Protein backbone atom coordinates (compact mmCIF):
# COMPACT_ATOMS: atom_id res chain seq x y z
CA MET A 1 6.82 -16.60 -40.40
CA ILE A 2 4.84 -14.49 -37.72
CA VAL A 3 4.03 -15.60 -34.23
CA LYS A 4 1.85 -14.04 -31.64
CA VAL A 5 2.61 -14.90 -27.67
CA LEU A 6 0.75 -13.00 -25.48
CA SER A 7 2.03 -10.99 -22.52
CA SER A 8 1.22 -8.18 -20.49
CA ALA A 9 3.41 -5.02 -19.04
CA VAL A 10 2.42 -3.50 -15.42
CA ILE A 11 0.83 -0.07 -15.40
CA GLY A 12 0.25 1.31 -11.73
CA ILE A 13 -1.02 -1.78 -10.00
CA ASP A 14 -2.80 -3.12 -12.87
CA SER A 15 -1.57 -5.40 -16.19
CA HIS A 16 -2.05 -4.75 -19.36
CA GLY A 17 -1.90 -7.04 -22.30
CA VAL A 18 0.92 -6.79 -24.73
CA GLU A 19 0.67 -8.65 -27.81
CA VAL A 20 4.58 -10.37 -28.72
CA GLU A 21 4.66 -10.64 -32.60
CA VAL A 22 8.04 -12.61 -34.12
CA ASP A 23 8.54 -12.29 -37.06
CA VAL A 24 11.94 -14.61 -38.43
CA SER A 25 12.52 -13.78 -41.92
CA SER A 26 15.08 -13.96 -44.76
CA GLY A 27 17.84 -11.25 -44.86
CA LEU A 28 21.01 -10.21 -43.05
CA PRO A 29 21.33 -11.45 -39.59
CA GLN A 30 19.30 -8.78 -37.45
CA PHE A 31 17.84 -8.51 -34.12
CA SER A 32 15.52 -5.52 -33.51
CA THR A 33 12.14 -4.92 -31.26
CA VAL A 34 9.68 -2.31 -31.87
CA GLY A 35 6.65 -1.19 -29.98
CA LEU A 36 7.99 1.38 -27.19
CA PRO A 37 10.10 -0.54 -25.40
CA ASP A 38 12.44 0.82 -22.40
CA MET A 39 16.27 -0.18 -23.09
CA SER A 40 16.17 -2.96 -20.46
CA VAL A 41 13.78 -4.48 -23.44
CA LYS A 42 16.05 -3.35 -26.00
CA GLU A 43 19.05 -5.26 -23.71
CA SER A 44 17.07 -8.67 -23.71
CA LYS A 45 17.96 -9.75 -27.40
CA ASP A 46 21.93 -10.47 -26.16
CA ARG A 47 20.30 -12.97 -23.38
CA ILE A 48 17.48 -14.17 -25.32
CA ARG A 49 20.43 -15.56 -27.75
CA ALA A 50 22.40 -16.98 -25.65
CA ALA A 51 19.61 -18.69 -23.56
CA ILE A 52 18.54 -20.59 -26.55
CA ASN A 53 21.64 -21.36 -27.50
CA ASN A 54 22.32 -23.06 -24.10
CA SER A 55 19.29 -24.46 -24.08
CA GLY A 56 20.21 -26.79 -26.89
CA TYR A 57 18.26 -25.33 -29.38
CA GLU A 58 19.54 -22.98 -32.32
CA PHE A 59 19.23 -19.27 -32.47
CA PRO A 60 17.79 -17.91 -36.35
CA ALA A 61 20.62 -16.58 -38.55
CA ASN A 62 18.56 -14.38 -40.48
CA ARG A 63 16.35 -10.82 -39.86
CA VAL A 64 13.83 -11.34 -36.34
CA THR A 65 11.59 -8.47 -36.03
CA VAL A 66 9.66 -8.35 -32.29
CA ASN A 67 6.99 -5.67 -32.25
CA LEU A 68 5.19 -5.69 -28.83
CA ALA A 69 1.51 -4.25 -29.27
CA PRO A 70 0.06 -2.07 -29.02
CA ALA A 71 2.70 0.23 -29.32
CA ASP A 72 1.20 3.11 -27.06
CA ILE A 73 2.01 1.28 -24.05
CA ARG A 74 5.89 1.50 -22.75
CA LYS A 75 7.68 -1.83 -21.92
CA GLU A 76 9.38 -1.55 -19.54
CA GLY A 77 11.46 -4.29 -17.52
CA THR A 78 12.82 -8.31 -17.98
CA ALA A 79 9.23 -10.20 -18.45
CA PHE A 80 9.41 -9.96 -22.16
CA ASP A 81 12.68 -12.34 -22.57
CA LEU A 82 10.30 -15.70 -21.94
CA PRO A 83 7.25 -14.84 -24.72
CA ILE A 84 10.07 -13.56 -27.12
CA ALA A 85 12.17 -16.88 -27.00
CA ILE A 86 8.84 -19.06 -26.88
CA GLY A 87 7.92 -16.77 -30.31
CA ILE A 88 11.38 -17.08 -31.97
CA LEU A 89 11.30 -20.47 -31.14
CA ALA A 90 7.52 -21.30 -32.31
CA ALA A 91 8.29 -19.51 -35.80
CA GLN A 92 11.20 -21.89 -36.12
CA GLU A 93 8.07 -24.81 -35.60
CA LEU A 94 9.93 -26.10 -32.14
CA VAL A 95 6.81 -25.03 -30.58
CA PRO A 96 3.55 -25.94 -31.24
CA ARG A 97 1.84 -22.53 -32.64
CA ASP A 98 -1.86 -23.64 -31.38
CA THR A 99 -0.98 -23.94 -27.38
CA LEU A 100 0.65 -20.50 -27.92
CA GLN A 101 -2.58 -18.95 -27.41
CA GLN A 102 -3.79 -20.88 -24.69
CA TYR A 103 -1.16 -19.35 -22.19
CA LEU A 104 0.03 -16.10 -21.04
CA PHE A 105 4.18 -15.82 -20.67
CA ILE A 106 5.94 -13.69 -18.28
CA GLY A 107 9.66 -14.47 -17.02
CA GLU A 108 13.25 -13.77 -16.95
CA LEU A 109 15.66 -15.05 -18.85
CA SER A 110 19.43 -16.41 -17.72
CA LEU A 111 21.88 -16.61 -20.38
CA ASP A 112 21.83 -20.44 -19.61
CA GLY A 113 18.17 -20.74 -19.85
CA THR A 114 16.92 -20.62 -16.64
CA ILE A 115 13.67 -18.44 -15.76
CA LYS A 116 13.97 -15.99 -13.81
CA GLY A 117 11.20 -14.20 -11.14
CA VAL A 118 9.80 -10.89 -12.02
CA HIS A 119 7.83 -7.72 -10.53
CA GLY A 120 4.42 -7.97 -10.62
CA CYS A 121 3.30 -11.46 -11.22
CA LEU A 122 0.33 -11.08 -9.49
CA PRO A 123 -1.43 -8.15 -11.79
CA SER A 124 -0.20 -10.52 -14.54
CA ALA A 125 -2.02 -13.93 -12.94
CA LEU A 126 -5.38 -11.64 -12.40
CA PHE A 127 -5.29 -10.49 -16.17
CA THR A 128 -5.38 -14.31 -16.93
CA ARG A 129 -8.23 -14.78 -15.74
CA GLN A 130 -10.03 -11.87 -16.75
CA THR A 131 -9.33 -12.56 -20.34
CA ARG A 132 -10.11 -16.16 -19.52
CA GLN A 133 -7.00 -17.78 -20.67
CA LYS A 134 -5.87 -20.97 -19.79
CA GLY A 135 -3.17 -20.59 -17.63
CA ILE A 136 -0.09 -18.54 -16.53
CA ILE A 137 3.33 -19.69 -17.79
CA LEU A 138 6.20 -18.45 -14.84
CA SER A 139 9.04 -18.62 -12.74
CA ARG A 140 8.92 -21.11 -9.79
CA ASP A 141 9.95 -17.94 -7.36
CA ASN A 142 6.50 -16.48 -8.96
CA ALA A 143 4.24 -19.86 -8.61
CA ALA A 144 3.10 -19.10 -4.79
CA GLU A 145 1.96 -15.75 -5.55
CA ALA A 146 0.35 -16.54 -8.70
CA ALA A 147 -1.49 -19.34 -7.06
CA MET A 148 -3.74 -16.94 -5.29
CA VAL A 149 -5.57 -16.48 -8.48
CA SER A 150 -7.97 -19.40 -8.50
CA ASP A 151 -9.61 -20.50 -11.78
CA ILE A 152 -6.16 -20.43 -13.84
CA GLU A 153 -3.34 -23.03 -14.41
CA VAL A 154 -0.30 -21.36 -13.12
CA ILE A 155 2.83 -23.40 -14.64
CA ALA A 156 6.20 -22.87 -12.76
CA ALA A 157 8.92 -23.46 -15.05
CA GLU A 158 12.67 -23.88 -14.21
CA THR A 159 13.91 -23.72 -17.71
CA LEU A 160 13.34 -22.61 -21.03
CA SER A 161 13.68 -25.82 -22.54
CA ASP A 162 11.40 -27.08 -19.43
CA VAL A 163 8.45 -24.71 -21.17
CA VAL A 164 9.20 -25.68 -24.78
CA GLU A 165 8.63 -29.61 -24.03
CA PHE A 166 5.86 -28.65 -22.05
CA LEU A 167 3.92 -26.59 -24.94
CA GLY A 168 4.88 -29.64 -26.96
CA GLY A 169 3.16 -32.30 -25.09
CA ARG A 170 6.60 -34.13 -24.30
CA LYS A 171 6.70 -33.17 -20.47
CA ASP A 172 4.27 -32.65 -17.79
CA ILE A 173 4.61 -29.97 -15.37
CA VAL A 174 2.20 -30.06 -12.49
CA ARG A 175 0.37 -26.94 -12.12
CA THR A 176 0.65 -25.00 -8.58
CA ASP A 177 -2.30 -24.57 -6.65
CA ALA A 178 -2.69 -22.90 -3.44
CA ASP A 179 -5.09 -23.04 -0.37
CA THR A 180 -6.02 -19.68 -0.52
CA ALA A 181 -8.43 -19.47 2.01
CA THR A 182 -6.14 -21.54 4.68
CA LEU A 183 -2.58 -19.60 3.85
CA PHE A 184 -4.82 -16.37 3.88
CA ASP A 185 -5.72 -17.20 7.58
CA ARG A 186 -3.00 -18.29 8.59
CA SER A 187 -1.22 -15.35 7.92
CA ARG A 188 -3.53 -12.90 9.47
CA GLN A 189 -1.18 -13.16 12.81
CA TYR A 190 0.29 -10.15 14.72
CA GLU A 191 3.33 -10.54 16.82
CA ILE A 192 2.82 -7.41 18.95
CA ASP A 193 -0.55 -6.79 21.09
CA LEU A 194 -1.43 -3.87 22.83
CA SER A 195 -1.38 -5.46 26.12
CA GLU A 196 2.48 -5.10 26.25
CA ILE A 197 1.95 -1.01 26.61
CA GLN A 198 1.67 -0.40 30.59
CA GLY A 199 -0.19 2.86 31.30
CA GLN A 200 -0.82 5.44 28.66
CA GLN A 201 -4.35 5.13 28.78
CA GLN A 202 -5.61 8.50 27.20
CA ALA A 203 -3.14 7.24 24.38
CA LYS A 204 -4.80 4.49 23.98
CA ARG A 205 -8.47 5.34 24.15
CA ALA A 206 -7.18 8.07 21.24
CA LEU A 207 -5.90 5.12 19.37
CA GLU A 208 -9.19 2.91 19.88
CA ILE A 209 -11.22 6.30 18.59
CA ALA A 210 -8.72 7.34 15.46
CA ALA A 211 -9.23 3.08 14.40
CA ALA A 212 -12.95 3.14 15.08
CA GLY A 213 -13.56 6.04 12.56
CA SER A 214 -10.33 6.02 10.55
CA HIS A 215 -9.52 9.52 11.99
CA ASN A 216 -5.72 10.32 11.31
CA LEU A 217 -3.67 11.06 14.61
CA LEU A 218 -1.03 13.39 15.81
CA MET A 219 0.80 12.19 19.06
CA ILE A 220 2.62 14.60 20.96
CA GLY A 221 5.19 13.76 23.60
CA PRO A 222 9.10 13.42 25.03
CA PRO A 223 11.21 10.92 23.86
CA GLY A 224 10.57 7.29 25.19
CA SER A 225 7.35 8.15 26.55
CA GLY A 226 5.66 5.04 23.80
CA LYS A 227 4.60 7.00 21.05
CA THR A 228 6.29 4.31 18.49
CA MET A 229 5.22 1.77 20.71
CA LEU A 230 1.52 2.48 20.20
CA ALA A 231 1.91 3.62 16.44
CA GLN A 232 3.26 -0.29 15.89
CA ARG A 233 0.12 -1.42 17.67
CA LEU A 234 -2.57 0.66 16.14
CA PRO A 235 -2.71 -1.69 12.78
CA THR A 236 -3.56 -4.66 15.61
CA ILE A 237 -6.72 -3.42 16.25
CA LEU A 238 -7.65 -2.14 13.14
CA PRO A 239 -10.63 -4.51 11.08
CA ASP A 240 -9.27 -7.82 9.45
CA LEU A 241 -8.32 -7.41 5.98
CA SER A 242 -10.67 -9.04 3.52
CA PHE A 243 -9.46 -11.40 1.02
CA GLU A 244 -9.91 -8.20 -1.60
CA GLU A 245 -8.40 -5.96 0.26
CA ALA A 246 -5.37 -8.15 0.69
CA ILE A 247 -5.05 -9.29 -2.89
CA GLU A 248 -4.91 -5.15 -3.99
CA ILE A 249 -2.19 -4.79 -0.96
CA THR A 250 -0.66 -7.65 -2.42
CA LYS A 251 -0.75 -5.81 -6.31
CA VAL A 252 1.32 -2.63 -4.63
CA PHE A 253 4.04 -5.18 -2.98
CA SER A 254 4.42 -7.47 -6.07
CA VAL A 255 4.80 -4.35 -8.42
CA ALA A 256 7.10 -2.78 -6.02
CA GLY A 257 9.71 -5.71 -5.70
CA LEU A 258 8.57 -6.32 -1.94
CA LEU A 259 6.78 -9.63 -1.81
CA GLY A 260 9.09 -12.24 -0.44
CA ARG A 261 9.64 -15.64 -2.69
CA GLN A 262 7.41 -17.69 -0.38
CA GLU A 263 4.99 -14.78 0.22
CA ALA A 264 2.25 -15.59 -1.45
CA VAL A 265 -0.09 -13.04 0.38
CA ILE A 266 -0.12 -9.79 2.66
CA ALA A 267 -3.39 -10.67 5.17
CA THR A 268 -2.11 -8.31 7.80
CA ARG A 269 -2.71 -4.27 7.48
CA PRO A 270 0.90 -2.84 6.46
CA PHE A 271 2.44 -0.76 8.74
CA ARG A 272 5.28 1.68 7.05
CA SER A 273 7.46 3.76 9.07
CA PRO A 274 9.88 6.22 6.81
CA HIS A 275 12.84 8.17 7.72
CA HIS A 276 12.28 11.36 8.32
CA THR A 277 15.12 11.93 5.46
CA ILE A 278 13.16 10.55 2.73
CA SER A 279 12.52 12.51 -0.22
CA ASP A 280 8.87 13.60 -1.66
CA VAL A 281 9.79 10.89 -4.77
CA GLY A 282 10.39 8.14 -1.63
CA LEU A 283 6.87 9.16 0.10
CA ALA A 284 4.81 9.62 -2.95
CA GLY A 285 6.35 7.28 -5.60
CA GLY A 286 7.63 8.23 -8.77
CA GLY A 287 11.01 8.45 -10.69
CA ALA A 288 11.98 7.69 -14.10
CA THR A 289 10.53 4.33 -13.89
CA PRO A 290 7.34 4.86 -12.10
CA ARG A 291 7.25 3.05 -8.50
CA PRO A 292 5.25 3.22 -5.61
CA GLY A 293 6.24 5.47 -2.84
CA GLU A 294 5.72 4.42 1.06
CA ILE A 295 2.21 5.84 1.01
CA SER A 296 0.98 3.43 -1.63
CA LEU A 297 3.14 0.72 0.50
CA ALA A 298 1.00 2.04 3.52
CA HIS A 299 -2.69 1.20 1.40
CA ARG A 300 -5.44 -0.12 3.45
CA GLY A 301 -2.47 0.19 6.45
CA VAL A 302 -0.72 2.73 8.55
CA LEU A 303 1.62 5.19 7.32
CA PHE A 304 3.84 6.06 10.44
CA LEU A 305 5.88 9.21 10.25
CA ASP A 306 8.05 9.64 13.40
CA GLU A 307 9.28 13.05 14.23
CA LEU A 308 7.62 15.03 11.62
CA PRO A 309 8.61 18.19 12.17
CA GLU A 310 11.93 16.92 10.76
CA PHE A 311 10.73 15.79 7.61
CA LYS A 312 11.62 18.05 4.57
CA LYS A 313 8.58 20.44 3.76
CA ASN A 314 7.87 19.73 0.25
CA ALA A 315 8.11 15.72 1.55
CA LEU A 316 5.10 16.59 3.71
CA GLU A 317 3.40 18.52 1.11
CA VAL A 318 3.07 15.91 -1.11
CA LEU A 319 0.88 13.97 1.33
CA ARG A 320 -1.86 16.20 1.11
CA GLN A 321 -3.80 15.42 -1.68
CA PRO A 322 -3.19 11.75 -1.40
CA LEU A 323 -4.80 12.32 2.02
CA GLU A 324 -7.89 13.73 0.58
CA SER A 325 -8.33 11.48 -2.23
CA GLY A 326 -6.84 8.01 -1.53
CA SER A 327 -4.45 7.69 -4.52
CA VAL A 328 -1.60 9.07 -5.84
CA THR A 329 -1.23 10.23 -9.54
CA ILE A 330 2.35 10.10 -10.94
CA THR A 331 2.99 11.69 -14.41
CA ARG A 332 5.93 10.92 -16.29
CA SER A 333 7.20 11.58 -20.11
CA GLY A 334 4.32 9.68 -22.23
CA ILE A 335 3.16 8.13 -19.01
CA THR A 336 0.61 8.61 -16.24
CA THR A 337 0.51 5.92 -13.47
CA THR A 338 -2.01 6.10 -10.43
CA TYR A 339 -1.37 3.95 -7.58
CA PRO A 340 -3.55 3.65 -4.88
CA ALA A 341 -3.21 5.61 -1.13
CA ALA A 342 -5.90 5.17 1.26
CA VAL A 343 -3.76 5.12 4.64
CA MET A 344 -4.64 6.26 7.72
CA LEU A 345 -1.80 8.84 8.66
CA VAL A 346 0.03 8.78 12.60
CA ALA A 347 2.46 10.83 13.03
CA ALA A 348 4.77 11.71 16.18
CA MET A 349 6.39 14.72 17.16
CA ASN A 350 7.93 16.34 20.33
CA PRO A 351 6.46 19.07 22.26
CA CYS A 352 9.40 21.07 21.65
CA PRO A 353 13.11 21.06 19.96
CA CYS A 354 14.41 19.08 23.01
CA GLY A 355 11.62 17.39 24.11
CA HIS A 356 10.45 18.17 27.21
CA LEU A 357 8.07 21.05 27.37
CA GLY A 358 5.47 20.42 29.61
CA ASP A 359 7.61 17.52 31.61
CA THR A 360 7.06 17.38 35.43
CA GLN A 361 10.43 16.00 35.97
CA ARG A 362 13.03 17.56 33.41
CA SER A 363 12.91 21.09 32.62
CA CYS A 364 12.72 22.41 28.80
CA ARG A 365 15.39 24.38 27.43
CA CYS A 366 13.83 25.91 24.31
CA SER A 367 12.91 29.33 23.99
CA PRO A 368 9.17 30.87 23.00
CA VAL A 369 10.18 31.82 19.86
CA GLN A 370 12.30 27.95 19.33
CA ILE A 371 9.35 26.05 20.06
CA HIS A 372 7.32 28.05 17.64
CA ARG A 373 9.53 28.09 15.30
CA TYR A 374 9.72 24.06 16.03
CA ARG A 375 6.27 23.17 15.31
CA SER A 376 5.35 25.73 12.34
CA ARG A 377 7.41 23.11 10.43
CA ILE A 378 4.03 21.51 10.06
CA SER A 379 1.79 23.49 7.34
CA GLY A 380 -1.41 24.60 8.54
CA PRO A 381 -3.16 22.60 5.41
CA LEU A 382 -1.47 19.14 6.51
CA LEU A 383 -2.66 20.01 10.23
CA ASP A 384 -5.85 20.39 8.67
CA ARG A 385 -5.76 16.51 7.06
CA ILE A 386 -4.96 15.69 11.01
CA ASP A 387 -8.08 15.06 12.77
CA ILE A 388 -7.01 14.23 16.35
CA HIS A 389 -4.01 15.83 18.61
CA VAL A 390 -3.41 13.56 21.81
CA GLU A 391 -0.56 14.23 24.54
CA VAL A 392 1.75 11.40 25.74
CA PRO A 393 3.41 11.82 28.38
CA ALA A 394 6.75 10.70 29.77
CA ILE A 395 5.94 7.00 32.01
CA ARG A 396 6.94 6.92 35.21
CA TYR A 397 8.31 3.77 37.36
CA ALA A 398 5.02 3.62 39.11
CA GLN A 399 3.53 2.63 35.76
CA PHE A 400 6.18 1.34 34.01
CA GLY A 401 6.39 -1.50 36.44
CA ALA A 402 2.65 -2.22 37.53
CA ALA A 403 1.46 -5.49 37.03
CA THR A 404 -2.29 -4.48 36.35
CA ALA A 405 -3.63 -6.30 33.55
CA GLN A 406 -4.09 -4.24 30.07
CA GLU A 407 -6.43 -4.95 27.59
CA ASP A 408 -5.67 -7.27 24.52
CA SER A 409 -5.91 -6.16 20.98
CA ALA A 410 -8.66 -8.52 20.45
CA THR A 411 -10.66 -7.23 22.68
CA VAL A 412 -10.51 -3.06 21.55
CA LYS A 413 -10.74 -4.90 18.01
CA ALA A 414 -14.25 -6.22 18.82
CA ARG A 415 -15.48 -2.50 19.64
CA VAL A 416 -13.75 -1.26 16.66
CA ASN A 417 -15.35 -3.74 14.46
CA ARG A 418 -19.12 -3.04 16.51
CA VAL A 419 -18.23 1.01 15.02
CA ARG A 420 -17.31 0.11 11.60
CA GLN A 421 -20.46 -1.85 11.19
CA ILE A 422 -22.29 1.37 12.02
CA GLN A 423 -20.78 3.23 9.83
CA LYS A 424 -21.25 0.63 6.98
CA ARG A 425 -24.86 0.53 8.07
CA ARG A 426 -25.32 4.04 8.42
CA PHE A 427 -23.25 5.66 5.13
CA GLY A 428 -24.41 2.38 2.67
CA ARG A 429 -21.80 2.93 -0.46
CA ASP A 430 -21.40 6.58 -0.03
CA ILE A 431 -18.48 6.41 1.87
CA ARG A 432 -16.94 4.66 4.69
CA HIS A 433 -15.71 6.48 8.30
CA ASN A 434 -16.42 8.83 10.23
CA ALA A 435 -13.55 10.84 9.27
CA THR A 436 -14.80 11.46 5.76
CA MET A 437 -18.07 12.58 6.05
CA SER A 438 -19.05 15.61 3.80
CA ASN A 439 -20.55 18.63 5.05
CA ARG A 440 -23.82 17.54 4.18
CA GLN A 441 -23.30 14.20 5.95
CA ILE A 442 -22.07 15.99 9.39
CA LYS A 443 -25.26 18.05 9.51
CA SER A 444 -27.56 15.07 9.23
CA TYR A 445 -25.52 12.80 11.85
CA CYS A 446 -23.96 15.10 14.00
CA ALA A 447 -26.86 17.07 15.47
CA LEU A 448 -25.99 18.99 18.67
CA ASP A 449 -28.37 19.66 22.00
CA ASN A 450 -28.15 23.10 23.49
CA ASP A 451 -25.31 21.78 25.66
CA SER A 452 -23.14 20.50 23.21
CA ARG A 453 -23.64 23.83 20.81
CA ARG A 454 -22.58 25.99 23.78
CA LEU A 455 -19.55 23.64 23.98
CA ILE A 456 -18.68 24.38 20.50
CA GLU A 457 -19.14 27.79 21.01
CA MET A 458 -17.07 28.04 23.81
CA ALA A 459 -14.45 26.50 21.92
CA MET A 460 -14.55 29.01 18.85
CA ASP A 461 -14.47 31.91 21.44
CA LYS A 462 -12.15 31.04 23.81
CA LEU A 463 -9.93 28.23 22.32
CA GLY A 464 -9.62 30.15 19.24
CA PHE A 465 -11.04 26.50 17.20
CA SER A 466 -11.33 27.68 13.40
CA GLY A 467 -14.30 26.78 11.50
CA ARG A 468 -12.30 23.50 9.89
CA ALA A 469 -11.43 22.55 13.79
CA VAL A 470 -15.03 22.47 14.94
CA THR A 471 -15.67 20.00 11.66
CA LYS A 472 -13.35 17.67 13.26
CA VAL A 473 -14.71 17.50 16.47
CA LEU A 474 -17.88 16.76 15.35
CA LYS A 475 -16.37 14.11 13.39
CA ILE A 476 -14.68 12.76 16.37
CA ALA A 477 -17.61 12.91 18.68
CA ARG A 478 -19.60 10.87 16.28
CA THR A 479 -17.05 8.20 16.75
CA ILE A 480 -17.00 8.86 20.17
CA ALA A 481 -20.86 8.08 20.40
CA ASP A 482 -20.83 5.47 18.13
CA LEU A 483 -18.39 3.52 20.64
CA GLU A 484 -20.54 4.29 23.34
CA GLY A 485 -23.30 3.13 21.42
CA VAL A 486 -25.76 5.26 21.05
CA GLU A 487 -27.37 8.26 18.27
CA ALA A 488 -27.48 11.25 19.61
CA ILE A 489 -24.06 13.24 20.39
CA GLN A 490 -24.25 14.32 23.34
CA SER A 491 -22.17 16.87 25.78
CA HIS A 492 -19.58 14.89 27.07
CA HIS A 493 -18.76 12.79 23.82
CA VAL A 494 -18.03 16.69 22.28
CA SER A 495 -15.97 18.00 25.72
CA GLU A 496 -13.84 14.51 24.92
CA ALA A 497 -13.58 15.16 21.24
CA ILE A 498 -12.55 19.13 21.81
CA GLN A 499 -9.83 17.67 23.76
CA TYR A 500 -8.32 15.58 21.31
CA ARG A 501 -7.76 19.05 19.35
CA GLY A 502 -4.87 20.47 21.28
CA LEU A 503 -2.75 22.15 18.74
CA ASP A 504 -6.15 24.25 17.04
CA ARG A 505 -6.18 26.01 20.55
CA SER A 506 -4.62 29.67 20.64
CA TYR A 507 -2.35 30.45 23.21
């Protein structure tokens, strides 16, 4: 007898339907799984046999063949335990076959029949709604996550026998529901605020410009000057996530297995700060079984690279294409996976190896050769993708101990939101931010007066700016003008923008 049970396989951050076909036929006892399963799926036969027996049912003493269709999609993980077990029991007529087509099944089985949580439940729940299934049956550990998807029944079962009794109509399992709007609003809180930072007005100004135009940012300053604190507070002045963006981010964390049991949705912009010893695979994603890297985990948020020159060169180079395209594609044998990677890159570095170049209180011990070697660890192509370079000087006691009130994140965010709305009206659906303007759009929206042209000419002749650096200056000037609420870019906008291209100056 052949039984078909619907499940799903996660590829990238999206789920694809998998039909679990179970055939129990006469012959010598044997359990075989076909349909491009990986080792974890092949090992499931022993878990499934023990779970069925320990749940009070009898595993068939016949030939059991499981086909995972379509066979051209690689099946990974332990989520197929539950649908395979249900298929075997349905083949023995212990489960009504007509109820199987109403639900999608995912879950790992313990030897005693307990259903454990698995990764990627949110994409599976979204797929259930897309295919107009009645609902999804899974572990209680994944219930809150799946309940973020409306219009489907989320049936959270504790054991295999609970599922069998529910499908047979002998037990009622209350569906899991979530007040998504209330939960989303309650989760939108940050524990830090920009007002906690004393001084550093120029760096805060650069942070606001970066947030308003979605410009990548590099902070240069001595140790302890507050670069990390500034970077950590950047998400607090970025516009709030829409519900669709939050679901997109939550899908990435769900697939990566980083979503907590009680964490249904990620409603704040991610802030990822990997250590400088991270590999290129850890940063961009990959592995034998592809998983999202740090740049994808920072999707719609901030990727902060502290001590930028200390990162491995090959790790930094893999960032170039994702920063340009907003996605990262990983190709492995038999599979190509694409993860989203629309991030704001924020980096920090010392001005020299010892960190005290330009410090009026402590003298620098580095030679010009050492300084040049230190800065040359950052390649030109990567530096070209960073719009704003800002110096973050050491804080003196007079600034640190001052009791003056500082602008809070909500005030700065209001200005950033206003500028983002200006860009939305200006560009429509083409692009979202000033930072991603094309050359044609720069010509249309970054027209200069005579004074501004003379400043650009001086920057190229006296400071050695390249054509790429001038393009960045124009984009930054456009954002500064938007913050001021004026349409025409003026000379003081260009002058301020030139100050944010410190590493382009030839000395």
